[in-house]
Amino acid sequence: MGFSLTGTHAIFFIASVIVAGAVSGVFMAVTTDISTSLSDRGNRLQEQLDTEFKIISDSSNIPISGSDYIFYLKNTGGKVLVTTNETFQIFVDGDIVATENYNFSDDFIPIEEVTKIYVATSLISSGYHKLRIVGPQAIEDEFAFEI
């Protein structure tokens, strides 16, 4: 005694429903993973777009305070910037400035506000120079000046 044609069809139908359920589960997992990845990427891009600053010093008149030159940094982005020697790196003429040779007047810069950066005068001789500041999210600004 064998299965009838209807019994065989029923077995194939049940098997195809199980396979279809498994395939749809895989597709759903992949779609969710892609969606999460795009969301994370969008958040990183939004944070990068919100992080912006500009060196606004006078290039021909750099003020001195004690043994430091003073440069002015303005937050032109859409979020508060934390100003520490770990979040910002400073380069003079392409050479990195050691963290003990510069500091900020404030711990953070509110939106559209300005802070002072103190850089040791021993690092900068007279003449033309380039100051480059690299901040969070690798956002940077470059400034040519003369001492």
C-alpha atoms as a PDB file:
ATOM      1  CA  MET A   1       0.000   0.000   0.000  1.00  0.00           C
ATOM      2  CA  GLY A   2       1.387   3.271  -0.991  1.00  0.00           C
ATOM      3  CA  PHE A   3       0.492   6.864  -0.618  1.00  0.00           C
ATOM      4  CA  SER A   4      -2.080   8.257  -2.845  1.00  0.00           C
ATOM      5  CA  LEU A   5      -1.402  11.222  -5.031  1.00  0.00           C
ATOM      6  CA  THR A   6      -3.073  13.502  -2.471  1.00  0.00           C
ATOM      7  CA  GLY A   7      -0.805  12.249   0.325  1.00  0.00           C
ATOM      8  CA  THR A   8       2.311  12.919  -1.758  1.00  0.00           C
ATOM      9  CA  HIS A   9       1.067  16.417  -2.560  1.00  0.00           C
ATOM     10  CA  ALA A  10       0.428  17.068   1.123  1.00  0.00           C
ATOM     11  CA  ILE A  11       3.985  15.999   2.049  1.00  0.00           C
ATOM     12  CA  PHE A  12       5.514  18.206  -0.676  1.00  0.00           C
ATOM     13  CA  PHE A  13       3.303  21.126   0.392  1.00  0.00           C
ATOM     14  CA  ILE A  14       4.362  20.842   4.055  1.00  0.00           C
ATOM     15  CA  ALA A  15       8.033  20.529   3.061  1.00  0.00           C
ATOM     16  CA  SER A  16       7.822  23.584   0.800  1.00  0.00           C
ATOM     17  CA  VAL A  17       6.153  25.638   3.573  1.00  0.00           C
ATOM     18  CA  ILE A  18       8.981  24.683   5.986  1.00  0.00           C
ATOM     19  CA  VAL A  19      11.671  25.595   3.431  1.00  0.00           C
ATOM     20  CA  ALA A  20       9.911  28.874   2.601  1.00  0.00           C
ATOM     21  CA  GLY A  21       9.735  29.744   6.316  1.00  0.00           C
ATOM     22  CA  ALA A  22      13.451  29.062   6.748  1.00  0.00           C
ATOM     23  CA  VAL A  23      14.378  31.139   3.688  1.00  0.00           C
ATOM     24  CA  SER A  24      12.182  34.040   4.792  1.00  0.00           C
ATOM     25  CA  GLY A  25      13.810  33.907   8.241  1.00  0.00           C
ATOM     26  CA  VAL A  26      17.254  34.209   6.666  1.00  0.00           C
ATOM     27  CA  PHE A  27      16.107  37.103   4.476  1.00  0.00           C
ATOM     28  CA  MET A  28      14.586  38.836   7.481  1.00  0.00           C
ATOM     29  CA  ALA A  29      17.811  38.476   9.493  1.00  0.00           C
ATOM     30  CA  VAL A  30      19.913  39.857   6.629  1.00  0.00           C
ATOM     31  CA  THR A  31      17.512  42.767   6.110  1.00  0.00           C
ATOM     32  CA  THR A  32      17.597  43.624   9.825  1.00  0.00           C
ATOM     33  CA  ASP A  33      21.401  43.481   9.834  1.00  0.00           C
ATOM     34  CA  ILE A  34      21.624  45.796   6.820  1.00  0.00           C
ATOM     35  CA  SER A  35      19.119  48.194   8.379  1.00  0.00           C
ATOM     36  CA  THR A  36      21.085  48.346  11.645  1.00  0.00           C
ATOM     37  CA  SER A  37      24.332  48.885   9.756  1.00  0.00           C
ATOM     38  CA  LEU A  38      22.874  51.765   7.736  1.00  0.00           C
ATOM     39  CA  SER A  39      21.430  53.333  10.869  1.00  0.00           C
ATOM     40  CA  ASP A  40      24.815  53.180  12.630  1.00  0.00           C
ATOM     41  CA  ARG A  41      26.525  54.656   9.591  1.00  0.00           C
ATOM     42  CA  GLY A  42      23.965  57.459   9.464  1.00  0.00           C
ATOM     43  CA  ASN A  43      24.545  58.245  13.136  1.00  0.00           C
ATOM     44  CA  ARG A  44      28.319  58.408  12.591  1.00  0.00           C
ATOM     45  CA  LEU A  45      27.823  60.683   9.591  1.00  0.00           C
ATOM     46  CA  GLN A  46      25.473  62.929  11.578  1.00  0.00           C
ATOM     47  CA  GLU A  47      28.040  63.196  14.376  1.00  0.00           C
ATOM     48  CA  GLN A  48      30.748  64.044  11.848  1.00  0.00           C
ATOM     49  CA  LEU A  49      28.570  66.717  10.249  1.00  0.00           C
ATOM     50  CA  ASP A  50      27.786  68.209  13.667  1.00  0.00           C
ATOM     51  CA  THR A  51      31.517  68.466  14.504  1.00  0.00           C
ATOM     52  CA  GLU A  52      33.050  71.549  12.931  1.00  0.00           C
ATOM     53  CA  PHE A  53      35.476  74.217  14.114  1.00  0.00           C
ATOM     54  CA  LYS A  54      37.534  77.053  12.663  1.00  0.00           C
ATOM     55  CA  ILE A  55      40.769  78.788  13.700  1.00  0.00           C
ATOM     56  CA  ILE A  56      39.875  82.480  13.736  1.00  0.00           C
ATOM     57  CA  SER A  57      43.143  84.131  14.832  1.00  0.00           C
ATOM     58  CA  ASP A  58      44.661  87.126  13.035  1.00  0.00           C
ATOM     59  CA  SER A  59      47.384  85.598  10.844  1.00  0.00           C
ATOM     60  CA  SER A  60      49.727  88.584  11.135  1.00  0.00           C
ATOM     61  CA  ASN A  61      49.208  89.345  14.832  1.00  0.00           C
ATOM     62  CA  ILE A  62      49.463  86.295  17.104  1.00  0.00           C
ATOM     63  CA  PRO A  63      49.159  87.382  20.751  1.00  0.00           C
ATOM     64  CA  ILE A  64      51.507  86.115  23.471  1.00  0.00           C
ATOM     65  CA  SER A  65      50.612  85.299  27.079  1.00  0.00           C
ATOM     66  CA  GLY A  66      53.671  84.512  29.182  1.00  0.00           C
ATOM     67  CA  SER A  67      55.527  81.742  27.339  1.00  0.00           C
ATOM     68  CA  ASP A  68      52.605  80.796  25.065  1.00  0.00           C
ATOM     69  CA  TYR A  69      51.184  81.981  21.776  1.00  0.00           C
ATOM     70  CA  ILE A  70      47.392  82.311  21.808  1.00  0.00           C
ATOM     71  CA  PHE A  71      45.223  81.001  18.978  1.00  0.00           C
ATOM     72  CA  TYR A  72      41.433  81.271  18.874  1.00  0.00           C
ATOM     73  CA  LEU A  73      39.238  78.291  17.995  1.00  0.00           C
ATOM     74  CA  LYS A  74      35.525  78.721  17.223  1.00  0.00           C
ATOM     75  CA  ASN A  75      32.977  75.907  17.360  1.00  0.00           C
ATOM     76  CA  THR A  76      30.994  76.301  14.136  1.00  0.00           C
ATOM     77  CA  GLY A  77      29.303  72.894  14.344  1.00  0.00           C
ATOM     78  CA  GLY A  78      26.021  71.764  15.824  1.00  0.00           C
ATOM     79  CA  LYS A  79      27.233  70.248  19.107  1.00  0.00           C
ATOM     80  CA  VAL A  80      29.397  71.122  22.076  1.00  0.00           C
ATOM     81  CA  LEU A  81      33.071  70.202  21.616  1.00  0.00           C
ATOM     82  CA  VAL A  82      35.101  68.745  24.466  1.00  0.00           C
ATOM     83  CA  THR A  83      38.554  70.352  24.398  1.00  0.00           C
ATOM     84  CA  THR A  84      41.248  68.162  25.856  1.00  0.00           C
ATOM     85  CA  ASN A  85      44.685  67.133  24.674  1.00  0.00           C
ATOM     86  CA  GLU A  86      43.171  63.694  23.937  1.00  0.00           C
ATOM     87  CA  THR A  87      40.361  64.967  21.688  1.00  0.00           C
ATOM     88  CA  PHE A  88      42.471  67.520  19.784  1.00  0.00           C
ATOM     89  CA  GLN A  89      45.934  67.158  18.248  1.00  0.00           C
ATOM     90  CA  ILE A  90      47.979  70.147  17.124  1.00  0.00           C
ATOM     91  CA  PHE A  91      50.592  70.240  14.369  1.00  0.00           C
ATOM     92  CA  VAL A  92      52.984  73.110  13.621  1.00  0.00           C
ATOM     93  CA  ASP A  93      54.592  72.940  10.173  1.00  0.00           C
ATOM     94  CA  GLY A  94      53.598  69.272   9.935  1.00  0.00           C
ATOM     95  CA  ASP A  95      55.201  68.256  13.253  1.00  0.00           C
ATOM     96  CA  ILE A  96      52.940  67.064  16.044  1.00  0.00           C
ATOM     97  CA  VAL A  97      53.029  69.167  19.192  1.00  0.00           C
ATOM     98  CA  ALA A  98      53.489  67.170  22.404  1.00  0.00           C
ATOM     99  CA  THR A  99      50.434  67.344  24.671  1.00  0.00           C
ATOM    100  CA  GLU A 100      52.380  69.101  27.426  1.00  0.00           C
ATOM    101  CA  ASN A 101      53.166  71.987  25.038  1.00  0.00           C
ATOM    102  CA  TYR A 102      49.578  73.120  24.440  1.00  0.00           C
ATOM    103  CA  ASN A 103      46.349  73.505  26.367  1.00  0.00           C
ATOM    104  CA  PHE A 104      42.895  75.029  26.069  1.00  0.00           C
ATOM    105  CA  SER A 105      41.387  77.822  28.165  1.00  0.00           C
ATOM    106  CA  ASP A 106      38.096  75.883  28.501  1.00  0.00           C
ATOM    107  CA  ASP A 107      37.116  72.239  28.966  1.00  0.00           C
ATOM    108  CA  PHE A 108      34.471  72.515  26.246  1.00  0.00           C
ATOM    109  CA  ILE A 109      33.312  74.911  23.542  1.00  0.00           C
ATOM    110  CA  PRO A 110      29.562  75.594  23.331  1.00  0.00           C
ATOM    111  CA  ILE A 111      28.020  75.990  19.881  1.00  0.00           C
ATOM    112  CA  GLU A 112      29.151  79.229  18.147  1.00  0.00           C
ATOM    113  CA  GLU A 113      31.529  80.088  21.025  1.00  0.00           C
ATOM    114  CA  VAL A 114      35.300  80.653  21.022  1.00  0.00           C
ATOM    115  CA  THR A 115      38.090  79.250  23.197  1.00  0.00           C
ATOM    116  CA  LYS A 116      41.807  79.999  23.409  1.00  0.00           C
ATOM    117  CA  ILE A 117      44.565  77.523  22.610  1.00  0.00           C
ATOM    118  CA  TYR A 118      47.893  78.158  24.304  1.00  0.00           C
ATOM    119  CA  VAL A 119      50.910  76.818  22.369  1.00  0.00           C
ATOM    120  CA  ALA A 120      54.440  77.055  23.793  1.00  0.00           C
ATOM    121  CA  THR A 121      56.502  79.813  22.159  1.00  0.00           C
ATOM    122  CA  SER A 122      59.587  77.551  22.215  1.00  0.00           C
ATOM    123  CA  LEU A 123      58.028  75.481  19.385  1.00  0.00           C
ATOM    124  CA  ILE A 124      57.537  78.345  16.936  1.00  0.00           C
ATOM    125  CA  SER A 125      60.368  80.507  15.615  1.00  0.00           C
ATOM    126  CA  SER A 126      59.912  83.760  13.725  1.00  0.00           C
ATOM    127  CA  GLY A 127      58.730  83.461  10.146  1.00  0.00           C
ATOM    128  CA  TYR A 128      55.825  81.846   8.290  1.00  0.00           C
ATOM    129  CA  HIS A 129      54.186  78.734   9.759  1.00  0.00           C
ATOM    130  CA  LYS A 130      51.158  76.470   9.394  1.00  0.00           C
ATOM    131  CA  LEU A 131      49.057  75.420  12.352  1.00  0.00           C
ATOM    132  CA  ARG A 132      46.805  72.407  11.857  1.00  0.00           C
ATOM    133  CA  ILE A 133      44.311  71.309  14.479  1.00  0.00           C
ATOM    134  CA  VAL A 134      42.751  67.851  14.232  1.00  0.00           C
ATOM    135  CA  GLY A 135      39.713  67.288  16.410  1.00  0.00           C
ATOM    136  CA  PRO A 136      37.054  64.672  17.045  1.00  0.00           C
ATOM    137  CA  GLN A 137      35.941  62.570  14.038  1.00  0.00           C
ATOM    138  CA  ALA A 138      39.236  63.570  12.332  1.00  0.00           C
ATOM    139  CA  ILE A 139      37.799  66.997  11.474  1.00  0.00           C
ATOM    140  CA  GLU A 140      40.616  69.465  10.906  1.00  0.00           C
ATOM    141  CA  ASP A 141      41.380  73.075  10.125  1.00  0.00           C
ATOM    142  CA  GLU A 142      44.606  74.614   8.897  1.00  0.00           C
ATOM    143  CA  PHE A 143      45.846  78.147   9.502  1.00  0.00           C
ATOM    144  CA  ALA A 144      48.842  79.967   7.982  1.00  0.00           C
ATOM    145  CA  PHE A 145      50.383  82.675  10.121  1.00  0.00           C
ATOM    146  CA  GLU A 146      53.515  84.771  10.624  1.00  0.00           C
ATOM    147  CA  ILE A 147      55.439  85.444  13.824  1.00  0.00           C
END
